[in-house]
N, C-alpha and C. Protein backbone atom coordinates (compact mmCIF):
# COMPACT_ATOMS: atom_id res chain seq x y z
N MET A 1 -28.89 5.69 42.34
CA MET A 1 -28.89 4.76 41.31
C MET A 1 -29.33 5.33 39.91
N LYS A 2 -30.32 6.19 40.00
CA LYS A 2 -30.80 6.82 38.81
C LYS A 2 -29.63 7.72 38.12
N LYS A 3 -28.98 8.40 39.05
CA LYS A 3 -27.86 9.27 38.73
C LYS A 3 -26.65 8.50 37.99
N ASN A 4 -26.46 7.30 38.61
CA ASN A 4 -25.44 6.46 37.95
C ASN A 4 -25.76 5.93 36.69
N LEU A 5 -27.04 5.50 36.56
CA LEU A 5 -27.49 4.99 35.28
C LEU A 5 -27.46 6.14 34.18
N ALA A 6 -27.89 7.39 34.45
CA ALA A 6 -27.91 8.52 33.57
C ALA A 6 -26.50 8.66 33.12
N THR A 7 -25.59 8.75 34.13
CA THR A 7 -24.18 8.98 33.77
C THR A 7 -23.58 7.90 32.84
N TYR A 8 -23.99 6.68 33.13
CA TYR A 8 -23.50 5.49 32.30
C TYR A 8 -23.97 5.76 30.84
N PHE A 9 -25.34 6.15 30.61
CA PHE A 9 -25.75 6.37 29.29
C PHE A 9 -25.15 7.50 28.61
N ILE A 10 -24.92 8.58 29.39
CA ILE A 10 -24.29 9.78 28.80
C ILE A 10 -22.93 9.42 28.22
N PHE A 11 -22.22 8.55 28.86
CA PHE A 11 -20.84 8.24 28.36
C PHE A 11 -20.79 7.06 27.42
N THR A 12 -21.79 6.17 27.40
CA THR A 12 -21.68 4.96 26.49
C THR A 12 -22.57 5.29 25.16
N ILE A 13 -23.56 5.99 25.21
CA ILE A 13 -24.41 6.21 24.02
C ILE A 13 -23.47 6.79 22.86
N PRO A 14 -22.64 7.87 23.12
CA PRO A 14 -21.87 8.35 21.95
C PRO A 14 -20.94 7.29 21.41
N PHE A 15 -20.44 6.33 22.25
CA PHE A 15 -19.59 5.31 21.76
C PHE A 15 -20.27 4.35 20.83
N LEU A 16 -21.59 4.08 21.17
CA LEU A 16 -22.44 3.17 20.37
C LEU A 16 -22.74 3.75 19.03
N PHE A 17 -23.03 5.01 18.99
CA PHE A 17 -23.45 5.64 17.78
C PHE A 17 -22.44 6.28 16.93
N PHE A 18 -21.35 6.60 17.63
CA PHE A 18 -20.25 7.31 16.88
C PHE A 18 -18.93 6.57 16.78
N SER A 19 -18.96 5.29 16.96
CA SER A 19 -17.78 4.51 16.76
C SER A 19 -17.62 3.98 15.40
N GLN A 20 -16.43 3.69 15.05
CA GLN A 20 -16.14 3.23 13.63
C GLN A 20 -16.50 1.77 13.62
N LYS A 21 -17.14 1.48 12.42
CA LYS A 21 -17.58 0.13 12.14
C LYS A 21 -16.82 -0.55 10.96
N LYS A 22 -16.68 -1.86 11.11
CA LYS A 22 -16.12 -2.59 10.02
C LYS A 22 -17.04 -2.58 8.76
N GLY A 23 -16.35 -2.49 7.62
CA GLY A 23 -17.11 -2.59 6.28
C GLY A 23 -17.32 -3.97 5.77
N ASN A 24 -18.01 -4.05 4.76
CA ASN A 24 -18.25 -5.35 4.14
C ASN A 24 -17.27 -5.79 3.03
N VAL A 25 -16.63 -4.84 2.40
CA VAL A 25 -15.73 -5.03 1.38
C VAL A 25 -14.36 -5.52 1.79
N ILE A 26 -13.75 -4.85 2.73
CA ILE A 26 -12.49 -5.21 3.37
C ILE A 26 -12.66 -5.15 4.90
N PRO A 27 -13.32 -6.11 5.52
CA PRO A 27 -13.60 -5.94 6.95
C PRO A 27 -12.49 -5.76 7.85
N GLU A 28 -11.28 -6.19 7.51
CA GLU A 28 -10.17 -6.20 8.42
C GLU A 28 -9.54 -4.80 8.45
N TYR A 29 -9.89 -3.98 7.50
CA TYR A 29 -9.27 -2.60 7.32
C TYR A 29 -10.41 -1.60 6.93
N GLY A 30 -10.03 -0.24 6.94
CA GLY A 30 -10.94 0.70 6.50
C GLY A 30 -12.26 0.95 7.17
N LYS A 31 -12.15 0.96 8.55
CA LYS A 31 -13.32 1.14 9.36
C LYS A 31 -13.85 2.56 9.10
N THR A 32 -15.18 2.68 9.17
CA THR A 32 -15.85 3.97 8.83
C THR A 32 -16.86 4.30 9.90
N TYR A 33 -17.32 5.56 9.94
CA TYR A 33 -18.40 6.06 10.69
C TYR A 33 -19.73 5.91 9.89
N ASN A 34 -20.82 5.63 10.54
CA ASN A 34 -22.06 5.69 9.90
C ASN A 34 -22.66 7.15 9.89
N VAL A 35 -23.10 7.64 8.70
CA VAL A 35 -23.60 8.90 8.58
C VAL A 35 -25.10 8.72 8.09
N VAL A 36 -25.97 9.01 9.05
CA VAL A 36 -27.38 8.80 8.81
C VAL A 36 -27.98 10.01 8.01
N ASN A 37 -28.58 9.68 6.92
CA ASN A 37 -29.37 10.61 6.09
C ASN A 37 -28.53 11.90 5.75
N PRO A 38 -27.45 11.79 5.04
CA PRO A 38 -26.67 12.98 4.72
C PRO A 38 -27.41 13.84 3.74
N ASP A 39 -27.18 15.14 3.90
CA ASP A 39 -27.85 16.15 3.03
C ASP A 39 -27.34 16.11 1.56
N TYR A 40 -26.04 15.90 1.44
CA TYR A 40 -25.40 15.73 0.16
C TYR A 40 -25.39 14.27 -0.17
N LYS A 41 -26.29 13.72 -0.93
CA LYS A 41 -26.62 12.33 -1.30
C LYS A 41 -25.46 11.71 -2.16
N THR A 42 -25.20 10.52 -1.88
CA THR A 42 -24.21 9.74 -2.57
C THR A 42 -24.76 9.24 -3.88
N ASP A 43 -24.06 9.43 -5.01
CA ASP A 43 -24.46 8.94 -6.28
C ASP A 43 -24.23 7.40 -6.33
N THR A 44 -25.24 6.66 -6.43
CA THR A 44 -25.11 5.29 -6.44
C THR A 44 -25.23 4.74 -7.95
N LEU A 45 -25.40 5.54 -8.94
CA LEU A 45 -25.78 5.09 -10.21
C LEU A 45 -24.47 5.05 -11.13
N HIS A 46 -23.53 5.95 -10.86
CA HIS A 46 -22.36 6.10 -11.69
C HIS A 46 -21.20 5.51 -11.06
N ASP A 47 -20.14 5.15 -11.88
CA ASP A 47 -18.83 4.69 -11.38
C ASP A 47 -18.19 5.82 -10.52
N LEU A 48 -17.63 5.37 -9.50
CA LEU A 48 -16.69 6.18 -8.70
C LEU A 48 -15.26 5.72 -8.90
N LYS A 49 -14.57 6.54 -9.67
CA LYS A 49 -13.22 6.13 -10.09
C LYS A 49 -12.26 7.08 -9.29
N VAL A 50 -11.39 6.44 -8.49
CA VAL A 50 -10.50 7.35 -7.69
C VAL A 50 -9.04 6.84 -7.74
N VAL A 51 -8.17 7.86 -7.70
CA VAL A 51 -6.75 7.60 -7.58
C VAL A 51 -6.19 8.27 -6.41
N PHE A 52 -5.66 7.48 -5.41
CA PHE A 52 -5.07 8.06 -4.24
C PHE A 52 -3.55 8.24 -4.61
N ASP A 53 -3.16 9.49 -4.39
CA ASP A 53 -1.65 9.87 -4.38
C ASP A 53 -1.10 9.73 -3.07
N ILE A 54 -0.16 8.69 -2.98
CA ILE A 54 0.37 8.33 -1.65
C ILE A 54 1.89 8.47 -1.73
N GLY A 55 2.36 9.53 -1.10
CA GLY A 55 3.72 9.83 -1.27
C GLY A 55 4.60 9.92 0.05
N ARG A 56 3.91 9.47 1.18
CA ARG A 56 4.66 9.47 2.50
C ARG A 56 4.32 8.31 3.31
N THR A 57 5.21 8.01 4.16
CA THR A 57 4.95 7.02 5.15
C THR A 57 4.89 7.72 6.52
N PHE A 58 4.77 6.94 7.54
CA PHE A 58 4.68 7.51 8.89
C PHE A 58 5.68 6.91 9.87
N ALA A 59 5.91 7.56 10.90
CA ALA A 59 7.03 7.27 11.84
C ALA A 59 6.90 5.79 12.33
N ASP A 60 5.71 5.28 12.61
CA ASP A 60 5.65 3.96 13.27
C ASP A 60 5.49 2.88 12.20
N SER A 61 6.57 2.26 11.96
CA SER A 61 6.68 1.20 10.85
C SER A 61 5.95 -0.03 11.23
N SER A 62 5.41 -0.11 12.51
CA SER A 62 4.71 -1.45 12.91
C SER A 62 3.18 -1.24 12.61
N LYS A 63 2.81 -0.10 12.18
CA LYS A 63 1.32 0.08 11.79
C LYS A 63 1.14 0.28 10.36
N VAL A 64 -0.04 0.01 9.84
CA VAL A 64 -0.54 0.19 8.63
C VAL A 64 -0.41 1.74 8.18
N ASN A 65 0.12 1.97 6.94
CA ASN A 65 0.14 3.38 6.51
C ASN A 65 -1.30 3.78 6.37
N PRO A 66 -1.73 4.86 7.09
CA PRO A 66 -3.17 5.27 7.03
C PRO A 66 -3.57 5.72 5.69
N LEU A 67 -2.76 6.28 4.97
CA LEU A 67 -3.08 6.66 3.53
C LEU A 67 -3.52 5.51 2.63
N ILE A 68 -2.76 4.38 2.87
CA ILE A 68 -3.11 3.12 2.14
C ILE A 68 -4.49 2.56 2.72
N ASN A 69 -4.68 2.66 3.95
CA ASN A 69 -5.95 2.28 4.62
C ASN A 69 -7.06 3.15 4.14
N THR A 70 -6.87 4.31 3.70
CA THR A 70 -7.92 5.16 3.21
C THR A 70 -8.63 4.48 1.95
N ALA A 71 -7.84 3.80 1.17
CA ALA A 71 -8.51 3.15 0.14
C ALA A 71 -9.42 2.15 0.42
N ALA A 72 -9.23 1.41 1.57
CA ALA A 72 -10.18 0.41 2.08
C ALA A 72 -11.33 1.17 2.69
N ARG A 73 -11.17 2.20 3.30
CA ARG A 73 -12.22 3.10 3.78
C ARG A 73 -13.12 3.53 2.72
N PHE A 74 -12.53 3.98 1.57
CA PHE A 74 -13.33 4.39 0.40
C PHE A 74 -14.29 3.21 0.05
N LEU A 75 -13.69 2.00 -0.18
CA LEU A 75 -14.48 0.89 -0.66
C LEU A 75 -15.63 0.55 0.33
N ASN A 76 -15.15 0.42 1.49
CA ASN A 76 -16.19 0.09 2.61
C ASN A 76 -17.34 1.14 2.84
N MET A 77 -16.87 2.37 2.83
CA MET A 77 -17.80 3.50 3.02
C MET A 77 -18.80 3.49 1.92
N HIS A 78 -18.38 3.47 0.72
CA HIS A 78 -19.34 3.60 -0.44
C HIS A 78 -20.18 2.43 -0.61
N GLU A 79 -19.63 1.23 -0.38
CA GLU A 79 -20.44 0.01 -0.54
C GLU A 79 -21.51 0.08 0.60
N GLY A 80 -21.19 0.55 1.70
CA GLY A 80 -22.16 0.69 2.84
C GLY A 80 -23.16 1.77 2.54
N ALA A 81 -22.88 2.70 1.58
CA ALA A 81 -23.84 3.79 1.28
C ALA A 81 -24.67 3.34 0.08
N GLY A 82 -24.55 2.15 -0.37
CA GLY A 82 -25.39 1.66 -1.48
C GLY A 82 -24.69 1.64 -2.83
N VAL A 83 -23.47 1.90 -3.06
CA VAL A 83 -22.75 1.89 -4.26
C VAL A 83 -22.33 0.40 -4.53
N SER A 84 -22.66 -0.06 -5.68
CA SER A 84 -22.22 -1.40 -6.09
C SER A 84 -20.72 -1.52 -6.08
N THR A 85 -20.24 -2.60 -5.64
CA THR A 85 -18.65 -2.74 -5.67
C THR A 85 -18.26 -2.71 -7.11
N GLU A 86 -19.01 -3.10 -8.11
CA GLU A 86 -18.61 -3.05 -9.51
C GLU A 86 -18.47 -1.59 -9.95
N LYS A 87 -19.02 -0.68 -9.29
CA LYS A 87 -18.96 0.76 -9.72
C LYS A 87 -17.82 1.39 -9.04
N LEU A 88 -17.16 0.82 -8.07
CA LEU A 88 -16.03 1.31 -7.32
C LEU A 88 -14.64 0.92 -7.98
N LYS A 89 -13.95 1.94 -8.54
CA LYS A 89 -12.64 1.65 -9.22
C LYS A 89 -11.57 2.52 -8.47
N VAL A 90 -10.63 1.77 -8.03
CA VAL A 90 -9.57 2.27 -7.09
C VAL A 90 -8.20 2.14 -7.58
N ALA A 91 -7.30 3.08 -7.56
CA ALA A 91 -5.98 2.93 -7.84
C ALA A 91 -5.12 3.78 -6.80
N LEU A 92 -3.97 3.23 -6.40
CA LEU A 92 -3.05 3.94 -5.50
C LEU A 92 -1.76 4.13 -6.24
N VAL A 93 -1.37 5.25 -6.30
CA VAL A 93 -0.10 5.66 -6.89
C VAL A 93 0.89 5.93 -5.70
N ILE A 94 1.89 5.08 -5.64
CA ILE A 94 2.82 5.09 -4.46
C ILE A 94 4.17 5.78 -4.93
N HIS A 95 4.57 6.61 -4.17
CA HIS A 95 5.88 7.27 -4.53
C HIS A 95 6.61 7.86 -3.19
N GLY A 96 7.75 8.39 -3.33
CA GLY A 96 8.38 8.89 -2.07
C GLY A 96 8.66 7.79 -1.10
N SER A 97 8.65 8.26 0.13
CA SER A 97 8.94 7.40 1.25
C SER A 97 7.87 6.22 1.45
N ALA A 98 6.75 6.53 0.85
CA ALA A 98 5.67 5.40 0.94
C ALA A 98 6.04 4.20 0.16
N ALA A 99 7.04 4.34 -0.69
CA ALA A 99 7.45 3.15 -1.37
C ALA A 99 7.95 1.93 -0.45
N TYR A 100 8.53 2.35 0.63
CA TYR A 100 8.83 1.29 1.67
C TYR A 100 7.73 0.54 2.13
N ASP A 101 6.52 1.16 2.16
CA ASP A 101 5.36 0.37 2.74
C ASP A 101 4.87 -0.68 1.82
N ILE A 102 5.38 -0.81 0.60
CA ILE A 102 4.93 -1.88 -0.29
C ILE A 102 6.04 -2.84 -0.48
N LEU A 103 7.02 -2.83 0.33
CA LEU A 103 8.17 -3.88 0.28
C LEU A 103 7.57 -5.21 0.71
N ASN A 104 8.14 -6.26 0.11
CA ASN A 104 7.63 -7.63 0.61
C ASN A 104 8.17 -7.79 1.93
N ASN A 105 7.74 -8.90 2.66
CA ASN A 105 8.03 -9.08 4.04
C ASN A 105 9.46 -9.30 4.29
N GLU A 106 10.24 -9.97 3.40
CA GLU A 106 11.63 -10.15 3.59
C GLU A 106 12.37 -8.79 3.56
N ASN A 107 12.12 -8.00 2.66
CA ASN A 107 12.79 -6.65 2.51
C ASN A 107 12.35 -5.68 3.55
N TYR A 108 11.07 -5.78 3.93
CA TYR A 108 10.46 -4.90 4.96
C TYR A 108 11.14 -5.28 6.34
N LYS A 109 11.41 -6.54 6.53
CA LYS A 109 11.96 -7.07 7.76
C LYS A 109 13.48 -6.61 7.77
N THR A 110 14.14 -6.58 6.65
CA THR A 110 15.56 -6.15 6.52
C THR A 110 15.73 -4.66 6.96
N LYS A 111 14.70 -3.88 6.50
CA LYS A 111 14.67 -2.54 6.83
C LYS A 111 14.21 -2.11 8.14
N TYR A 112 13.15 -2.83 8.64
CA TYR A 112 12.44 -2.34 9.87
C TYR A 112 12.49 -3.44 10.95
N GLY A 113 12.92 -4.67 10.67
CA GLY A 113 13.01 -5.72 11.74
C GLY A 113 11.58 -6.40 11.98
N ILE A 114 10.64 -6.07 11.17
CA ILE A 114 9.29 -6.80 11.32
C ILE A 114 8.72 -7.12 10.02
N ASP A 115 7.70 -7.93 9.97
CA ASP A 115 6.92 -8.15 8.72
C ASP A 115 6.12 -6.86 8.31
N ASN A 116 5.86 -6.77 7.11
CA ASN A 116 5.25 -5.53 6.67
C ASN A 116 3.71 -5.52 7.05
N PRO A 117 3.34 -4.65 7.87
CA PRO A 117 1.88 -4.50 8.31
C PRO A 117 1.00 -4.09 7.21
N ASN A 118 1.49 -3.67 6.12
CA ASN A 118 0.71 -3.21 4.94
C ASN A 118 0.38 -4.45 3.98
N ALA A 119 1.03 -5.49 4.09
CA ALA A 119 1.02 -6.61 3.08
C ALA A 119 -0.39 -7.20 2.93
N LYS A 120 -1.00 -7.42 4.07
CA LYS A 120 -2.37 -8.01 3.91
C LYS A 120 -3.41 -7.01 3.43
N LEU A 121 -3.12 -5.70 3.73
CA LEU A 121 -4.08 -4.75 3.24
C LEU A 121 -3.90 -4.59 1.73
N VAL A 122 -2.66 -4.41 1.23
CA VAL A 122 -2.41 -4.35 -0.11
C VAL A 122 -2.93 -5.55 -0.92
N SER A 123 -2.80 -6.68 -0.34
CA SER A 123 -3.39 -7.92 -0.90
C SER A 123 -4.95 -7.86 -1.00
N ALA A 124 -5.54 -7.45 0.02
CA ALA A 124 -6.95 -7.30 0.06
C ALA A 124 -7.44 -6.28 -0.95
N LEU A 125 -6.76 -5.21 -0.99
CA LEU A 125 -7.15 -4.17 -1.95
C LEU A 125 -7.04 -4.65 -3.39
N SER A 126 -5.97 -5.35 -3.71
CA SER A 126 -5.73 -5.91 -5.05
C SER A 126 -6.81 -6.91 -5.35
N GLU A 127 -7.18 -7.76 -4.38
CA GLU A 127 -8.21 -8.79 -4.64
C GLU A 127 -9.54 -8.06 -4.89
N LYS A 128 -9.75 -6.83 -4.49
CA LYS A 128 -11.03 -6.12 -4.77
C LYS A 128 -10.83 -5.27 -5.99
N GLY A 129 -9.82 -5.43 -6.72
CA GLY A 129 -9.63 -4.82 -8.09
C GLY A 129 -8.87 -3.59 -8.01
N ALA A 130 -8.30 -3.18 -6.84
CA ALA A 130 -7.45 -1.94 -6.77
C ALA A 130 -6.14 -2.15 -7.55
N HIS A 131 -5.68 -1.09 -8.15
CA HIS A 131 -4.44 -1.10 -8.73
C HIS A 131 -3.37 -0.44 -7.85
N ILE A 132 -2.32 -1.21 -7.60
CA ILE A 132 -1.25 -0.67 -6.62
C ILE A 132 -0.07 -0.38 -7.56
N ILE A 133 0.25 0.90 -7.82
CA ILE A 133 1.20 1.35 -8.79
C ILE A 133 2.29 2.08 -8.09
N LEU A 134 3.56 1.66 -8.38
CA LEU A 134 4.78 2.29 -7.86
C LEU A 134 5.44 3.19 -8.84
N CYS A 135 5.89 4.40 -8.46
CA CYS A 135 6.61 5.28 -9.27
C CYS A 135 7.96 4.59 -9.53
N GLY A 136 8.28 4.54 -10.88
CA GLY A 136 9.52 3.87 -11.25
C GLY A 136 10.67 4.73 -10.85
N GLN A 137 10.45 5.98 -10.86
CA GLN A 137 11.58 6.94 -10.54
C GLN A 137 11.92 6.88 -9.02
N THR A 138 10.93 6.69 -8.21
CA THR A 138 11.07 6.42 -6.73
C THR A 138 11.85 5.14 -6.59
N ALA A 139 11.33 4.16 -7.31
CA ALA A 139 11.96 2.78 -7.15
C ALA A 139 13.44 2.82 -7.50
N ALA A 140 13.71 3.51 -8.55
CA ALA A 140 15.16 3.52 -9.00
C ALA A 140 15.98 4.40 -7.96
N TYR A 141 15.45 5.46 -7.52
CA TYR A 141 16.21 6.35 -6.61
C TYR A 141 16.44 5.56 -5.34
N ARG A 142 15.47 4.81 -4.80
CA ARG A 142 15.58 4.12 -3.57
C ARG A 142 16.04 2.62 -3.78
N ASN A 143 16.49 2.25 -4.97
CA ASN A 143 16.93 0.91 -5.23
C ASN A 143 15.94 -0.11 -4.78
N ILE A 144 14.68 0.07 -5.22
CA ILE A 144 13.60 -0.92 -4.99
C ILE A 144 13.28 -1.64 -6.26
N THR A 145 13.80 -2.86 -6.38
CA THR A 145 13.54 -3.59 -7.63
C THR A 145 12.22 -4.42 -7.42
N LYS A 146 11.69 -4.94 -8.50
CA LYS A 146 10.53 -5.67 -8.51
C LYS A 146 10.55 -6.84 -7.53
N THR A 147 11.74 -7.36 -7.45
CA THR A 147 11.85 -8.57 -6.52
C THR A 147 11.72 -8.17 -4.98
N LYS A 148 11.80 -6.91 -4.78
CA LYS A 148 11.72 -6.33 -3.39
C LYS A 148 10.24 -5.94 -2.93
N THR A 149 9.36 -5.89 -3.89
CA THR A 149 8.02 -5.39 -3.54
C THR A 149 6.95 -6.54 -3.44
N LEU A 150 5.93 -6.18 -2.93
CA LEU A 150 4.83 -7.07 -2.76
C LEU A 150 4.39 -7.49 -4.25
N PRO A 151 3.82 -8.71 -4.38
CA PRO A 151 3.56 -9.22 -5.83
C PRO A 151 2.43 -8.44 -6.50
N GLU A 152 1.57 -7.71 -5.80
CA GLU A 152 0.45 -6.96 -6.30
C GLU A 152 0.92 -5.74 -6.99
N VAL A 153 2.20 -5.23 -6.80
CA VAL A 153 2.61 -3.94 -7.12
C VAL A 153 2.98 -3.93 -8.66
N GLN A 154 2.40 -2.87 -9.33
CA GLN A 154 2.74 -2.65 -10.77
C GLN A 154 3.76 -1.44 -10.88
N TYR A 155 4.71 -1.45 -11.64
CA TYR A 155 5.63 -0.38 -11.82
C TYR A 155 5.26 0.59 -12.98
N ALA A 156 5.28 1.83 -12.79
CA ALA A 156 5.02 2.86 -13.88
C ALA A 156 6.38 3.64 -14.10
N LEU A 157 6.39 4.29 -15.20
CA LEU A 157 7.44 5.07 -15.57
C LEU A 157 7.73 6.06 -14.42
N SER A 158 6.68 6.69 -13.95
CA SER A 158 6.73 7.66 -12.81
C SER A 158 5.41 7.90 -12.22
N ALA A 159 5.36 8.40 -10.99
CA ALA A 159 4.01 8.71 -10.35
C ALA A 159 3.33 9.73 -11.18
N MET A 160 4.07 10.80 -11.80
CA MET A 160 3.42 11.76 -12.61
C MET A 160 2.71 11.08 -13.74
N THR A 161 3.41 10.22 -14.44
CA THR A 161 2.78 9.51 -15.57
C THR A 161 1.54 8.72 -15.23
N ALA A 162 1.63 8.02 -14.16
CA ALA A 162 0.42 7.16 -13.79
C ALA A 162 -0.74 8.14 -13.36
N LEU A 163 -0.46 9.22 -12.62
CA LEU A 163 -1.48 10.10 -12.17
C LEU A 163 -2.16 10.73 -13.31
N VAL A 164 -1.34 11.14 -14.34
CA VAL A 164 -1.94 11.85 -15.51
C VAL A 164 -2.77 10.81 -16.36
N GLN A 165 -2.25 9.61 -16.60
CA GLN A 165 -3.00 8.62 -17.32
C GLN A 165 -4.18 8.22 -16.62
N LEU A 166 -4.14 8.06 -15.30
CA LEU A 166 -5.49 7.57 -14.57
C LEU A 166 -6.49 8.84 -14.69
N GLN A 167 -6.01 9.99 -14.57
CA GLN A 167 -6.98 11.17 -14.64
C GLN A 167 -7.45 11.24 -16.13
N ASN A 168 -6.72 10.91 -17.14
CA ASN A 168 -7.31 10.88 -18.46
C ASN A 168 -8.34 9.82 -18.61
N GLU A 169 -8.18 8.79 -17.78
CA GLU A 169 -9.28 7.65 -17.84
C GLU A 169 -10.35 8.00 -16.78
N ASN A 170 -10.42 9.23 -16.41
CA ASN A 170 -11.60 9.80 -15.48
C ASN A 170 -11.53 9.31 -14.11
N TYR A 171 -10.26 8.92 -13.61
CA TYR A 171 -10.13 8.71 -12.22
C TYR A 171 -9.99 10.08 -11.56
N ARG A 172 -10.55 10.26 -10.35
CA ARG A 172 -10.42 11.56 -9.64
C ARG A 172 -9.34 11.42 -8.62
N LEU A 173 -8.53 12.42 -8.57
CA LEU A 173 -7.41 12.52 -7.74
C LEU A 173 -7.85 12.84 -6.24
N ILE A 174 -7.36 12.03 -5.33
CA ILE A 174 -7.46 12.39 -3.87
C ILE A 174 -6.01 12.28 -3.42
N ASN A 175 -5.67 13.48 -2.79
CA ASN A 175 -4.27 13.69 -2.33
C ASN A 175 -4.40 14.27 -0.95
N PHE A 176 -3.87 13.62 0.18
CA PHE A 176 -3.87 14.08 1.41
C PHE A 176 -2.55 14.66 1.84
């Protein structure tokens, strides 16, 4: 019995301590791991302005694009670490094949046969103040008009333009 109990704890304790947890900002998305007492401390006093460069989609069109989900992780993780949500400024610059991930449900369904799994995430990000910016060059190349995208999407001249302007406004680039 003691051996079985020990085995049980050996296999369950890691899941309890190292499982991803829902955040407070966007609970449905952006799960994070708890990091207890990190050596490199999180600055909770200054704005954290970030721009995510999102230029690709993934093979499974029935799942949320993990690069878009990273923006929710950023918000949840930093709020959980004590950064006020007013200090968290997020922008996503979408280009390349990722442009299909911000199609409205009607157009996503035409392309993939299902509703857009990113729609609720994009809406939640926008509600929390994130800017969702589509490269106008990508949109033109892929024939994606404003009527085909989610309502939260803003069009830019190009991804390059948006990335430069946001960095000029002290947004820090995160590119995966």
